[in-house]
């Protein structure tokens, strides 16, 4: 079963929810991957595992922001997903 994105978006917006902006989305992913890269004994997931969920259209911007912050981690994509 799949969600109807347009229908769900309309219902959520009627309830007062607003979509996250692209820059907020990039910032959230950057914060998460930077923290994952730094590591924590209580986290068993790796930054690479989390990055698998990163939308492909955000990879370049997230990598750029990670670099600007001085974080050496970069999201990689398998060759089959690169254009």
PDB file of N, CA and C in Angstrom:
ATOM      1  N   UNK A   1       0.843  -1.173   0.000  1.00  0.00           N
ATOM      2  CA  UNK A   1       0.000   0.000   0.000  1.00  0.00           C
ATOM      3  C   UNK A   1       0.893   1.243   0.000  1.00  0.00           C
ATOM      4  N   UNK A   2       0.545   2.217  -0.811  1.00  0.00           N
ATOM      5  CA  UNK A   2       1.298   3.458  -0.919  1.00  0.00           C
ATOM      6  C   UNK A   2       0.446   4.633  -0.460  1.00  0.00           C
ATOM      7  N   UNK A   3       1.130   5.636   0.065  1.00  0.00           N
ATOM      8  CA  UNK A   3       0.455   6.865   0.468  1.00  0.00           C
ATOM      9  C   UNK A   3       0.315   7.770  -0.750  1.00  0.00           C
ATOM     10  N   UNK A   4      -0.785   8.465  -0.836  1.00  0.00           N
ATOM     11  CA  UNK A   4      -0.969   9.471  -1.874  1.00  0.00           C
ATOM     12  C   UNK A   4      -0.347  10.758  -1.334  1.00  0.00           C
ATOM     13  N   UNK A   5       0.832  11.107  -1.853  1.00  0.00           N
ATOM     14  CA  UNK A   5       1.596  12.233  -1.323  1.00  0.00           C
ATOM     15  C   UNK A   5       0.824  13.555  -1.392  1.00  0.00           C
ATOM     16  N   UNK A   6       0.154  13.797  -2.508  1.00  0.00           N
ATOM     17  CA  UNK A   6      -0.577  15.053  -2.655  1.00  0.00           C
ATOM     18  C   UNK A   6      -1.741  15.137  -1.680  1.00  0.00           C
ATOM     19  N   UNK A   7      -2.501  14.077  -1.554  1.00  0.00           N
ATOM     20  CA  UNK A   7      -3.637  14.045  -0.642  1.00  0.00           C
ATOM     21  C   UNK A   7      -3.165  14.212   0.806  1.00  0.00           C
ATOM     22  N   UNK A   8      -2.132  13.480   1.169  1.00  0.00           N
ATOM     23  CA  UNK A   8      -1.610  13.566   2.540  1.00  0.00           C
ATOM     24  C   UNK A   8      -1.063  14.968   2.831  1.00  0.00           C
ATOM     25  N   UNK A   9      -0.340  15.541   1.855  1.00  0.00           N
ATOM     26  CA  UNK A   9       0.207  16.891   2.046  1.00  0.00           C
ATOM     27  C   UNK A   9      -0.915  17.900   2.277  1.00  0.00           C
ATOM     28  N   UNK A  10      -1.987  17.798   1.491  1.00  0.00           N
ATOM     29  CA  UNK A  10      -3.118  18.713   1.652  1.00  0.00           C
ATOM     30  C   UNK A  10      -3.757  18.574   3.028  1.00  0.00           C
ATOM     31  N   UNK A  11      -3.962  17.333   3.473  1.00  0.00           N
ATOM     32  CA  UNK A  11      -4.566  17.109   4.787  1.00  0.00           C
ATOM     33  C   UNK A  11      -3.679  17.634   5.909  1.00  0.00           C
ATOM     34  N   UNK A  12      -2.387  17.381   5.819  1.00  0.00           N
ATOM     35  CA  UNK A  12      -1.466  17.861   6.854  1.00  0.00           C
ATOM     36  C   UNK A  12      -1.412  19.385   6.884  1.00  0.00           C
ATOM     37  N   UNK A  13      -1.386  20.013   5.711  1.00  0.00           N
ATOM     38  CA  UNK A  13      -1.366  21.474   5.666  1.00  0.00           C
ATOM     39  C   UNK A  13      -2.649  22.070   6.221  1.00  0.00           C
ATOM     40  N   UNK A  14      -3.786  21.402   6.015  1.00  0.00           N
ATOM     41  CA  UNK A  14      -5.046  21.861   6.597  1.00  0.00           C
ATOM     42  C   UNK A  14      -5.003  21.809   8.120  1.00  0.00           C
ATOM     43  N   UNK A  15      -4.190  20.915   8.662  1.00  0.00           N
ATOM     44  CA  UNK A  15      -4.047  20.785  10.110  1.00  0.00           C
ATOM     45  C   UNK A  15      -2.978  21.732  10.667  1.00  0.00           C
ATOM     46  N   UNK A  16      -2.372  22.551   9.801  1.00  0.00           N
ATOM     47  CA  UNK A  16      -1.403  23.539  10.255  1.00  0.00           C
ATOM     48  C   UNK A  16       0.052  23.138  10.076  1.00  0.00           C
ATOM     49  N   UNK A  17       0.296  21.967   9.543  1.00  0.00           N
ATOM     50  CA  UNK A  17       1.680  21.536   9.307  1.00  0.00           C
ATOM     51  C   UNK A  17       2.189  22.151   8.012  1.00  0.00           C
ATOM     52  N   UNK A  18       3.485  22.454   7.982  1.00  0.00           N
ATOM     53  CA  UNK A  18       4.107  23.028   6.798  1.00  0.00           C
ATOM     54  C   UNK A  18       5.296  22.174   6.390  1.00  0.00           C
ATOM     55  N   UNK A  19       5.525  22.050   5.085  1.00  0.00           N
ATOM     56  CA  UNK A  19       6.676  21.268   4.630  1.00  0.00           C
ATOM     57  C   UNK A  19       7.990  21.920   5.060  1.00  0.00           C
ATOM     58  N   UNK A  20       8.982  21.092   5.250  1.00  0.00           N
ATOM     59  CA  UNK A  20      10.320  21.577   5.582  1.00  0.00           C
ATOM     60  C   UNK A  20      10.933  22.142   4.307  1.00  0.00           C
ATOM     61  N   UNK A  21      11.603  23.283   4.420  1.00  0.00           N
ATOM     62  CA  UNK A  21      12.246  23.855   3.238  1.00  0.00           C
ATOM     63  C   UNK A  21      13.445  23.002   2.841  1.00  0.00           C
ATOM     64  N   UNK A  22      13.876  23.148   1.615  1.00  0.00           N
ATOM     65  CA  UNK A  22      15.045  22.401   1.136  1.00  0.00           C
ATOM     66  C   UNK A  22      16.270  22.698   2.008  1.00  0.00           C
ATOM     67  N   UNK A  23      16.494  23.956   2.343  1.00  0.00           N
ATOM     68  CA  UNK A  23      17.669  24.302   3.155  1.00  0.00           C
ATOM     69  C   UNK A  23      17.564  23.695   4.560  1.00  0.00           C
ATOM     70  N   UNK A  24      16.363  23.639   5.132  1.00  0.00           N
ATOM     71  CA  UNK A  24      16.187  22.980   6.428  1.00  0.00           C
ATOM     72  C   UNK A  24      16.462  21.485   6.308  1.00  0.00           C
ATOM     73  N   UNK A  25      15.983  20.878   5.230  1.00  0.00           N
ATOM     74  CA  UNK A  25      16.176  19.455   4.992  1.00  0.00           C
ATOM     75  C   UNK A  25      17.672  19.140   4.863  1.00  0.00           C
ATOM     76  N   UNK A  26      18.388  19.958   4.114  1.00  0.00           N
ATOM     77  CA  UNK A  26      19.838  19.787   3.963  1.00  0.00           C
ATOM     78  C   UNK A  26      20.525  19.958   5.306  1.00  0.00           C
ATOM     79  N   UNK A  27      20.136  20.971   6.055  1.00  0.00           N
ATOM     80  CA  UNK A  27      20.730  21.218   7.376  1.00  0.00           C
ATOM     81  C   UNK A  27      20.492  20.075   8.341  1.00  0.00           C
ATOM     82  N   UNK A  28      19.297  19.523   8.329  1.00  0.00           N
ATOM     83  CA  UNK A  28      18.992  18.395   9.219  1.00  0.00           C
ATOM     84  C   UNK A  28      19.833  17.176   8.875  1.00  0.00           C
ATOM     85  N   UNK A  29      19.950  16.868   7.585  1.00  0.00           N
ATOM     86  CA  UNK A  29      20.771  15.733   7.162  1.00  0.00           C
ATOM     87  C   UNK A  29      22.233  15.971   7.503  1.00  0.00           C
ATOM     88  N   UNK A  30      22.699  17.206   7.310  1.00  0.00           N
ATOM     89  CA  UNK A  30      24.093  17.531   7.619  1.00  0.00           C
ATOM     90  C   UNK A  30      24.348  17.359   9.111  1.00  0.00           C
ATOM     91  N   UNK A  31      23.470  17.886   9.948  1.00  0.00           N
ATOM     92  CA  UNK A  31      23.618  17.734  11.408  1.00  0.00           C
ATOM     93  C   UNK A  31      23.664  16.256  11.796  1.00  0.00           C
ATOM     94  N   UNK A  32      22.747  15.474  11.240  1.00  0.00           N
ATOM     95  CA  UNK A  32      22.666  14.059  11.574  1.00  0.00           C
ATOM     96  C   UNK A  32      23.928  13.312  11.158  1.00  0.00           C
ATOM     97  N   UNK A  33      24.351  13.502   9.906  1.00  0.00           N
ATOM     98  CA  UNK A  33      25.513  12.763   9.422  1.00  0.00           C
ATOM     99  C   UNK A  33      26.798  13.199  10.111  1.00  0.00           C
ATOM    100  N   UNK A  34      26.898  14.470  10.441  1.00  0.00           N
ATOM    101  CA  UNK A  34      28.069  14.957  11.174  1.00  0.00           C
ATOM    102  C   UNK A  34      28.121  14.319  12.564  1.00  0.00           C
ATOM    103  N   UNK A  35      26.984  14.267  13.242  1.00  0.00           N
ATOM    104  CA  UNK A  35      26.919  13.644  14.570  1.00  0.00           C
ATOM    105  C   UNK A  35      27.187  12.141  14.481  1.00  0.00           C
ATOM    106  N   UNK A  36      26.645  11.501  13.460  1.00  0.00           N
ATOM    107  CA  UNK A  36      26.871  10.059  13.293  1.00  0.00           C
ATOM    108  C   UNK A  36      28.344   9.783  13.030  1.00  0.00           C
ATOM    109  N   UNK A  37      28.974  10.632  12.250  1.00  0.00           N
ATOM    110  CA  UNK A  37      30.388  10.469  11.944  1.00  0.00           C
ATOM    111  C   UNK A  37      31.241  10.638  13.194  1.00  0.00           C
ATOM    112  N   UNK A  38      30.844  11.566  14.067  1.00  0.00           N
ATOM    113  CA  UNK A  38      31.571  11.776  15.324  1.00  0.00           C
ATOM    114  C   UNK A  38      31.452  10.558  16.224  1.00  0.00           C
ATOM    115  N   UNK A  39      30.317   9.881  16.123  1.00  0.00           N
ATOM    116  CA  UNK A  39      30.121   8.629  16.852  1.00  0.00           C
ATOM    117  C   UNK A  39      29.641   8.811  18.275  1.00  0.00           C
ATOM    118  N   UNK A  40      29.089   7.737  18.789  1.00  0.00           N
ATOM    119  CA  UNK A  40      28.606   7.663  20.160  1.00  0.00           C
ATOM    120  C   UNK A  40      28.496   6.190  20.515  1.00  0.00           C
ATOM    121  N   UNK A  41      28.888   5.821  21.730  1.00  0.00           N
ATOM    122  CA  UNK A  41      28.787   4.414  22.105  1.00  0.00           C
ATOM    123  C   UNK A  41      27.356   3.888  22.126  1.00  0.00           C
ATOM    124  N   UNK A  42      26.380   4.774  22.204  1.00  0.00           N
ATOM    125  CA  UNK A  42      24.988   4.330  22.273  1.00  0.00           C
ATOM    126  C   UNK A  42      24.344   4.183  20.889  1.00  0.00           C
ATOM    127  N   UNK A  43      25.068   4.559  19.842  1.00  0.00           N
ATOM    128  CA  UNK A  43      24.527   4.477  18.484  1.00  0.00           C
ATOM    129  C   UNK A  43      25.203   3.326  17.755  1.00  0.00           C
ATOM    130  N   UNK A  44      24.396   2.405  17.256  1.00  0.00           N
ATOM    131  CA  UNK A  44      24.959   1.254  16.550  1.00  0.00           C
ATOM    132  C   UNK A  44      24.883   1.401  15.034  1.00  0.00           C
ATOM    133  N   UNK A  45      24.192   2.416  14.558  1.00  0.00           N
ATOM    134  CA  UNK A  45      24.080   2.668  13.124  1.00  0.00           C
ATOM    135  C   UNK A  45      25.236   3.557  12.696  1.00  0.00           C
ATOM    136  N   UNK A  46      25.776   3.298  11.514  1.00  0.00           N
ATOM    137  CA  UNK A  46      26.872   4.120  11.005  1.00  0.00           C
ATOM    138  C   UNK A  46      26.341   5.259  10.146  1.00  0.00           C
ATOM    139  N   UNK A  47      27.195   6.245   9.925  1.00  0.00           N
ATOM    140  CA  UNK A  47      26.824   7.355   9.042  1.00  0.00           C
ATOM    141  C   UNK A  47      26.523   6.828   7.643  1.00  0.00           C
ATOM    142  N   UNK A  48      27.302   5.841   7.181  1.00  0.00           N
ATOM    143  CA  UNK A  48      27.054   5.270   5.860  1.00  0.00           C
ATOM    144  C   UNK A  48      25.671   4.622   5.782  1.00  0.00           C
ATOM    145  N   UNK A  49      25.268   3.935   6.840  1.00  0.00           N
ATOM    146  CA  UNK A  49      23.942   3.309   6.848  1.00  0.00           C
ATOM    147  C   UNK A  49      22.842   4.367   6.814  1.00  0.00           C
ATOM    148  N   UNK A  50      23.007   5.427   7.583  1.00  0.00           N
ATOM    149  CA  UNK A  50      22.000   6.498   7.575  1.00  0.00           C
ATOM    150  C   UNK A  50      21.969   7.200   6.220  1.00  0.00           C
ATOM    151  N   UNK A  51      23.137   7.391   5.613  1.00  0.00           N
ATOM    152  CA  UNK A  51      23.219   8.098   4.338  1.00  0.00           C
ATOM    153  C   UNK A  51      22.489   7.360   3.225  1.00  0.00           C
ATOM    154  N   UNK A  52      22.273   6.063   3.393  1.00  0.00           N
ATOM    155  CA  UNK A  52      21.517   5.308   2.387  1.00  0.00           C
ATOM    156  C   UNK A  52      20.109   5.858   2.227  1.00  0.00           C
ATOM    157  N   UNK A  53      19.591   6.502   3.258  1.00  0.00           N
ATOM    158  CA  UNK A  53      18.228   7.060   3.229  1.00  0.00           C
ATOM    159  C   UNK A  53      18.184   8.491   2.705  1.00  0.00           C
ATOM    160  N   UNK A  54      19.342   9.103   2.507  1.00  0.00           N
ATOM    161  CA  UNK A  54      19.401  10.480   2.024  1.00  0.00           C
ATOM    162  C   UNK A  54      18.905  10.549   0.583  1.00  0.00           C
ATOM    163  N   UNK A  55      17.920  11.410   0.295  1.00  0.00           N
ATOM    164  CA  UNK A  55      17.454  11.537  -1.083  1.00  0.00           C
ATOM    165  C   UNK A  55      18.606  11.937  -2.014  1.00  0.00           C
ATOM    166  N   UNK A  56      18.681  11.303  -3.163  1.00  0.00           N
ATOM    167  CA  UNK A  56      19.787  11.517  -4.104  1.00  0.00           C
ATOM    168  C   UNK A  56      19.947  12.985  -4.497  1.00  0.00           C
ATOM    169  N   UNK A  57      18.837  13.720  -4.582  1.00  0.00           N
ATOM    170  CA  UNK A  57      18.936  15.123  -4.998  1.00  0.00           C
ATOM    171  C   UNK A  57      19.538  16.027  -3.934  1.00  0.00           C
ATOM    172  N   UNK A  58      19.761  15.501  -2.720  1.00  0.00           N
ATOM    173  CA  UNK A  58      20.360  16.310  -1.651  1.00  0.00           C
ATOM    174  C   UNK A  58      21.836  15.984  -1.418  1.00  0.00           C
ATOM    175  N   UNK A  59      22.331  14.910  -2.027  1.00  0.00           N
ATOM    176  CA  UNK A  59      23.697  14.434  -1.734  1.00  0.00           C
ATOM    177  C   UNK A  59      24.741  15.525  -1.951  1.00  0.00           C
ATOM    178  N   UNK A  60      24.724  16.148  -3.101  1.00  0.00           N
ATOM    179  CA  UNK A  60      25.738  17.163  -3.412  1.00  0.00           C
ATOM    180  C   UNK A  60      25.703  18.316  -2.417  1.00  0.00           C
ATOM    181  N   UNK A  61      24.513  18.816  -2.104  1.00  0.00           N
ATOM    182  CA  UNK A  61      24.393  19.939  -1.167  1.00  0.00           C
ATOM    183  C   UNK A  61      24.802  19.550   0.256  1.00  0.00           C
ATOM    184  N   UNK A  62      24.428  18.346   0.687  1.00  0.00           N
ATOM    185  CA  UNK A  62      24.805  17.884   2.024  1.00  0.00           C
ATOM    186  C   UNK A  62      26.322  17.719   2.096  1.00  0.00           C
ATOM    187  N   UNK A  63      26.926  17.114   1.084  1.00  0.00           N
ATOM    188  CA  UNK A  63      28.381  16.959   1.074  1.00  0.00           C
ATOM    189  C   UNK A  63      29.083  18.304   1.112  1.00  0.00           C
ATOM    190  N   UNK A  64      28.561  19.272   0.363  1.00  0.00           N
ATOM    191  CA  UNK A  64      29.140  20.615   0.360  1.00  0.00           C
ATOM    192  C   UNK A  64      29.065  21.233   1.753  1.00  0.00           C
ATOM    193  N   UNK A  65      27.915  21.091   2.414  1.00  0.00           N
ATOM    194  CA  UNK A  65      27.751  21.679   3.738  1.00  0.00           C
ATOM    195  C   UNK A  65      28.636  20.965   4.771  1.00  0.00           C
ATOM    196  N   UNK A  66      28.766  19.638   4.652  1.00  0.00           N
ATOM    197  CA  UNK A  66      29.665  18.906   5.541  1.00  0.00           C
ATOM    198  C   UNK A  66      31.094  19.416   5.390  1.00  0.00           C
ATOM    199  N   UNK A  67      31.531  19.634   4.156  1.00  0.00           N
ATOM    200  CA  UNK A  67      32.878  20.155   3.896  1.00  0.00           C
ATOM    201  C   UNK A  67      33.061  21.543   4.493  1.00  0.00           C
ATOM    202  N   UNK A  68      32.066  22.397   4.319  1.00  0.00           N
ATOM    203  CA  UNK A  68      32.144  23.761   4.877  1.00  0.00           C
ATOM    204  C   UNK A  68      32.300  23.746   6.391  1.00  0.00           C
ATOM    205  N   UNK A  69      31.693  22.751   7.032  1.00  0.00           N
ATOM    206  CA  UNK A  69      31.781  22.634   8.493  1.00  0.00           C
ATOM    207  C   UNK A  69      33.082  21.984   8.952  1.00  0.00           C
ATOM    208  N   UNK A  70      33.889  21.535   8.003  1.00  0.00           N
ATOM    209  CA  UNK A  70      35.145  20.893   8.353  1.00  0.00           C
ATOM    210  C   UNK A  70      35.006  19.412   8.669  1.00  0.00           C
ATOM    211  N   UNK A  71      33.860  18.839   8.339  1.00  0.00           N
ATOM    212  CA  UNK A  71      33.623  17.417   8.561  1.00  0.00           C
ATOM    213  C   UNK A  71      34.178  16.654   7.363  1.00  0.00           C
ATOM    214  N   UNK A  72      34.993  15.654   7.623  1.00  0.00           N
ATOM    215  CA  UNK A  72      35.625  14.897   6.545  1.00  0.00           C
ATOM    216  C   UNK A  72      34.711  13.836   5.942  1.00  0.00           C
ATOM    217  N   UNK A  73      33.586  13.564   6.575  1.00  0.00           N
ATOM    218  CA  UNK A  73      32.658  12.559   6.043  1.00  0.00           C
ATOM    219  C   UNK A  73      31.993  13.094   4.780  1.00  0.00           C
ATOM    220  N   UNK A  74      31.865  12.245   3.786  1.00  0.00           N
ATOM    221  CA  UNK A  74      31.138  12.571   2.561  1.00  0.00           C
ATOM    222  C   UNK A  74      30.238  11.400   2.210  1.00  0.00           C
ATOM    223  N   UNK A  75      29.037  11.724   1.761  1.00  0.00           N
ATOM    224  CA  UNK A  75      28.086  10.701   1.348  1.00  0.00           C
ATOM    225  C   UNK A  75      28.531  10.162  -0.009  1.00  0.00           C
ATOM    226  N   UNK A  76      28.642   8.859  -0.089  1.00  0.00           N
ATOM    227  CA  UNK A  76      28.977   8.229  -1.351  1.00  0.00           C
ATOM    228  C   UNK A  76      27.747   7.553  -1.908  1.00  0.00           C
ATOM    229  N   UNK A  77      27.737   7.343  -3.177  1.00  0.00           N
ATOM    230  CA  UNK A  77      26.648   6.631  -3.842  1.00  0.00           C
ATOM    231  C   UNK A  77      27.262   5.513  -4.658  1.00  0.00           C
ATOM    232  N   UNK A  78      26.627   4.350  -4.688  1.00  0.00           N
ATOM    233  CA  UNK A  78      27.107   3.285  -5.563  1.00  0.00           C
ATOM    234  C   UNK A  78      27.141   3.784  -7.007  1.00  0.00           C
ATOM    235  N   UNK A  79      28.068   3.280  -7.798  1.00  0.00           N
ATOM    236  CA  UNK A  79      28.208   3.715  -9.181  1.00  0.00           C
ATOM    237  C   UNK A  79      26.925   3.578  -9.983  1.00  0.00           C
ATOM    238  N   UNK A  80      26.102   2.591  -9.658  1.00  0.00           N
ATOM    239  CA  UNK A  80      24.851   2.380 -10.392  1.00  0.00           C
ATOM    240  C   UNK A  80      23.856   3.517 -10.201  1.00  0.00           C
ATOM    241  N   UNK A  81      23.997   4.310  -9.118  1.00  0.00           N
ATOM    242  CA  UNK A  81      23.067   5.411  -8.856  1.00  0.00           C
ATOM    243  C   UNK A  81      23.587   6.749  -9.365  1.00  0.00           C
ATOM    244  N   UNK A  82      24.815   6.781  -9.877  1.00  0.00           N
ATOM    245  CA  UNK A  82      25.375   8.039 -10.351  1.00  0.00           C
ATOM    246  C   UNK A  82      25.063   8.238 -11.820  1.00  0.00           C
ATOM    247  N   UNK A  83      24.888   9.487 -12.200  1.00  0.00           N
ATOM    248  CA  UNK A  83      24.598   9.788 -13.611  1.00  0.00           C
ATOM    249  C   UNK A  83      25.755  10.529 -14.225  1.00  0.00           C
TER     250      UNK A  83
END
